[in-house]
Amino acid sequence: NLARTTSRKAPKIKALRLVRIILVTLTIRLKKIKVNRKRAENNTVLCEGDTVQCFLADEFFDKKVTRHSFESITPHLDIIYEDENIMLLNKRPGVLVHEDTEGAENTLIMHIKAYLYQKGEYDPENEQSFAPALCNRIDRNTGGIVIAAKNAEALRILCDKIKDREID
């Protein structure tokens, strides 16, 4: 019996594997498993040479380690000033500040993320919603100083000061 064969080993298996066994049993009940191209039932007996097809949800599998696109970037930044909250950077003409509609990844913000990640000051896995961000922006073909916030509080304060024209 397919369900019993799978669940018989359950006491010897770690909790995560037990969850997988439960998912297999549920998958059988939902008729998401085929044996020899026919839907399997709870009482289906497997024989040598049988072909088993499983149609499983993504939750069944371990999460793959996601790699962030900025991890492979060697940051090239012209840093004018830096402290624990902000960075002042000289943006060269031709440098894209944010991703464009084509999804270009070689942007100033990606270089900032890579720089802070490599310094250990930014880890997206430990952040709830914040990512290093620019407080002001300059067009691609323009050069000048941009302000990058390294934390949410600095971003909020600087954006307010720029909005109120306390910083030009």
Protein backbone atom coordinates (compact mmCIF):
# COMPACT_ATOMS: atom_id res chain seq x y z
CA ASN A 1 0.00 0.00 0.00
CA LEU A 2 1.58 3.27 -1.18
CA ALA A 3 0.38 5.43 1.73
CA ARG A 4 1.39 2.90 4.41
CA THR A 5 4.82 2.29 2.85
CA THR A 6 5.50 6.01 3.00
CA SER A 7 4.17 6.61 6.52
CA ARG A 8 5.55 3.40 8.14
CA LYS A 9 9.01 4.99 8.50
CA ALA A 10 7.64 8.18 10.07
CA PRO A 11 8.75 7.62 13.72
CA LYS A 12 12.38 7.27 12.64
CA ILE A 13 12.41 10.42 10.55
CA LYS A 14 13.06 14.06 11.50
CA ALA A 15 10.13 16.47 11.73
CA LEU A 16 10.78 17.98 8.30
CA ARG A 17 10.69 14.58 6.66
CA LEU A 18 7.51 13.80 8.58
CA VAL A 19 5.92 16.89 7.06
CA ARG A 20 6.99 15.65 3.64
CA ILE A 21 5.37 12.27 4.34
CA ILE A 22 2.15 14.01 5.32
CA LEU A 23 2.33 16.00 2.09
CA VAL A 24 2.82 12.77 0.09
CA THR A 25 -0.21 11.21 1.77
CA LEU A 26 -2.23 14.34 1.06
CA THR A 27 -0.97 14.32 -2.52
CA ILE A 28 -2.20 10.75 -2.93
CA ARG A 29 -5.63 11.71 -1.59
CA LEU A 30 -5.76 14.69 -3.97
CA LYS A 31 -4.85 12.30 -6.82
CA LYS A 32 -1.67 14.18 -7.71
CA ILE A 33 0.34 10.94 -8.02
CA LYS A 34 0.18 8.64 -11.04
CA VAL A 35 1.45 5.07 -11.27
CA ASN A 36 2.00 3.90 -14.83
CA ARG A 37 0.20 7.04 -16.05
CA LYS A 38 -2.95 6.23 -14.07
CA ARG A 39 -4.08 8.06 -10.94
CA ALA A 40 -2.86 6.29 -7.80
CA GLU A 41 -5.26 5.38 -5.03
CA ASN A 42 -4.45 4.83 -1.34
CA ASN A 43 -4.49 1.08 -1.91
CA THR A 44 -2.22 1.13 -4.99
CA VAL A 45 0.56 -1.44 -4.66
CA LEU A 46 3.85 -0.69 -6.39
CA CYS A 47 5.57 -3.41 -8.37
CA GLU A 48 9.07 -3.59 -9.77
CA GLY A 49 9.25 -1.57 -12.98
CA ASP A 50 6.29 0.70 -12.17
CA THR A 51 6.65 4.34 -13.17
CA VAL A 52 5.60 6.87 -10.53
CA GLN A 53 4.82 10.49 -11.43
CA CYS A 54 4.32 13.05 -8.67
CA PHE A 55 2.77 16.46 -9.19
CA LEU A 56 3.88 18.28 -6.07
CA ALA A 57 3.53 21.86 -4.87
CA ASP A 58 6.65 23.98 -4.43
CA GLU A 59 6.26 23.86 -0.62
CA PHE A 60 7.22 20.18 -0.80
CA PHE A 61 10.82 21.03 -1.65
CA ASP A 62 13.50 22.77 0.38
CA LYS A 63 13.93 26.44 -0.35
CA LYS A 64 16.85 27.13 -2.62
CA VAL A 65 19.41 29.61 -1.39
CA THR A 66 18.68 32.82 -3.19
CA ARG A 67 21.61 34.75 -4.45
CA HIS A 68 21.21 38.49 -4.69
CA SER A 69 22.28 40.08 -7.94
CA PHE A 70 24.52 42.58 -6.15
CA GLU A 71 26.64 39.84 -4.54
CA SER A 72 28.56 39.30 -7.76
CA ILE A 73 29.30 43.01 -8.25
CA THR A 74 32.67 44.50 -7.39
CA PRO A 75 31.58 47.93 -6.17
CA HIS A 76 33.07 50.96 -7.89
CA LEU A 77 32.07 54.00 -5.88
CA ASP A 78 33.53 57.48 -5.58
CA ILE A 79 32.75 58.05 -1.89
CA ILE A 80 33.11 61.65 -0.74
CA TYR A 81 31.83 61.12 2.82
CA GLU A 82 30.54 58.18 4.83
CA ASP A 83 29.32 57.61 8.38
CA GLU A 84 27.03 55.04 10.02
CA ASN A 85 23.89 56.64 8.51
CA ILE A 86 24.69 58.16 5.13
CA MET A 87 27.06 58.16 2.18
CA LEU A 88 27.78 61.07 -0.15
CA LEU A 89 28.83 59.80 -3.57
CA ASN A 90 30.14 61.47 -6.69
CA LYS A 91 27.97 60.07 -9.50
CA ARG A 92 29.73 60.13 -12.84
CA PRO A 93 27.81 61.03 -16.03
CA GLY A 94 26.51 57.92 -17.82
CA VAL A 95 25.97 55.92 -14.63
CA LEU A 96 22.43 54.63 -14.20
CA VAL A 97 21.08 55.34 -10.69
CA HIS A 98 18.21 52.78 -10.54
CA GLU A 99 17.14 49.87 -12.74
CA ASP A 100 15.54 50.93 -15.98
CA THR A 101 12.72 49.21 -17.86
CA GLU A 102 15.26 46.76 -19.31
CA GLY A 103 16.21 45.70 -15.77
CA ALA A 104 19.85 46.81 -15.97
CA GLU A 105 21.64 45.59 -12.85
CA ASN A 106 24.86 47.61 -13.14
CA THR A 107 23.38 50.60 -11.33
CA LEU A 108 24.65 52.94 -8.65
CA ILE A 109 22.19 51.54 -6.10
CA MET A 110 23.40 47.97 -6.82
CA HIS A 111 27.01 49.08 -6.27
CA ILE A 112 25.97 50.70 -2.97
CA LYS A 113 24.21 47.49 -1.86
CA ALA A 114 27.23 45.40 -2.86
CA TYR A 115 29.59 47.75 -1.00
CA LEU A 116 27.52 47.72 2.20
CA TYR A 117 26.92 43.96 1.95
CA GLN A 118 30.65 43.29 1.63
CA LYS A 119 31.33 45.57 4.62
CA GLY A 120 28.73 43.66 6.64
CA GLU A 121 26.52 46.73 7.06
CA TYR A 122 23.65 45.42 4.91
CA ASP A 123 22.18 41.93 4.77
CA PRO A 124 18.83 41.68 2.98
CA GLU A 125 18.03 38.45 4.86
CA ASN A 126 18.05 40.37 8.18
CA GLU A 127 16.11 43.40 6.94
CA GLN A 128 12.34 43.45 7.20
CA SER A 129 11.71 45.96 4.45
CA PHE A 130 14.58 48.45 4.19
CA ALA A 131 17.21 48.47 1.49
CA PRO A 132 19.87 51.16 1.09
CA ALA A 133 18.36 53.95 -0.99
CA LEU A 134 19.15 57.28 -2.56
CA CYS A 135 17.62 60.40 -1.09
CA ASN A 136 18.09 62.37 -4.28
CA ARG A 137 18.71 61.33 -7.82
CA ILE A 138 20.47 62.64 -10.86
CA ASP A 139 19.72 61.76 -14.48
CA ARG A 140 21.92 59.23 -16.24
CA ASN A 141 23.83 61.80 -18.31
CA THR A 142 24.40 64.18 -15.39
CA GLY A 143 27.16 64.00 -12.82
CA GLY A 144 27.07 65.27 -9.26
CA ILE A 145 26.67 64.38 -5.62
CA VAL A 146 24.00 61.93 -4.49
CA ILE A 147 23.05 61.11 -0.90
CA ALA A 148 22.55 57.45 0.03
CA ALA A 149 20.82 56.45 3.25
CA LYS A 150 22.17 53.37 5.03
CA ASN A 151 19.14 52.93 7.30
CA ALA A 152 15.41 53.71 7.30
CA GLU A 153 15.62 56.54 9.84
CA ALA A 154 18.32 58.37 7.89
CA LEU A 155 16.29 57.98 4.70
CA ARG A 156 13.16 59.42 6.32
CA ILE A 157 14.99 62.38 7.87
CA LEU A 158 16.94 63.27 4.73
CA CYS A 159 13.92 62.95 2.44
CA ASP A 160 11.96 65.26 4.76
CA LYS A 161 14.81 67.80 4.78
CA ILE A 162 15.06 67.72 0.98
CA LYS A 163 11.27 68.07 0.66
CA ASP A 164 11.28 71.05 3.05
CA ARG A 165 14.23 72.53 1.07
CA GLU A 166 16.52 72.45 4.11
CA ILE A 167 18.99 70.60 1.86
CA ASP A 168 19.47 71.59 -1.79
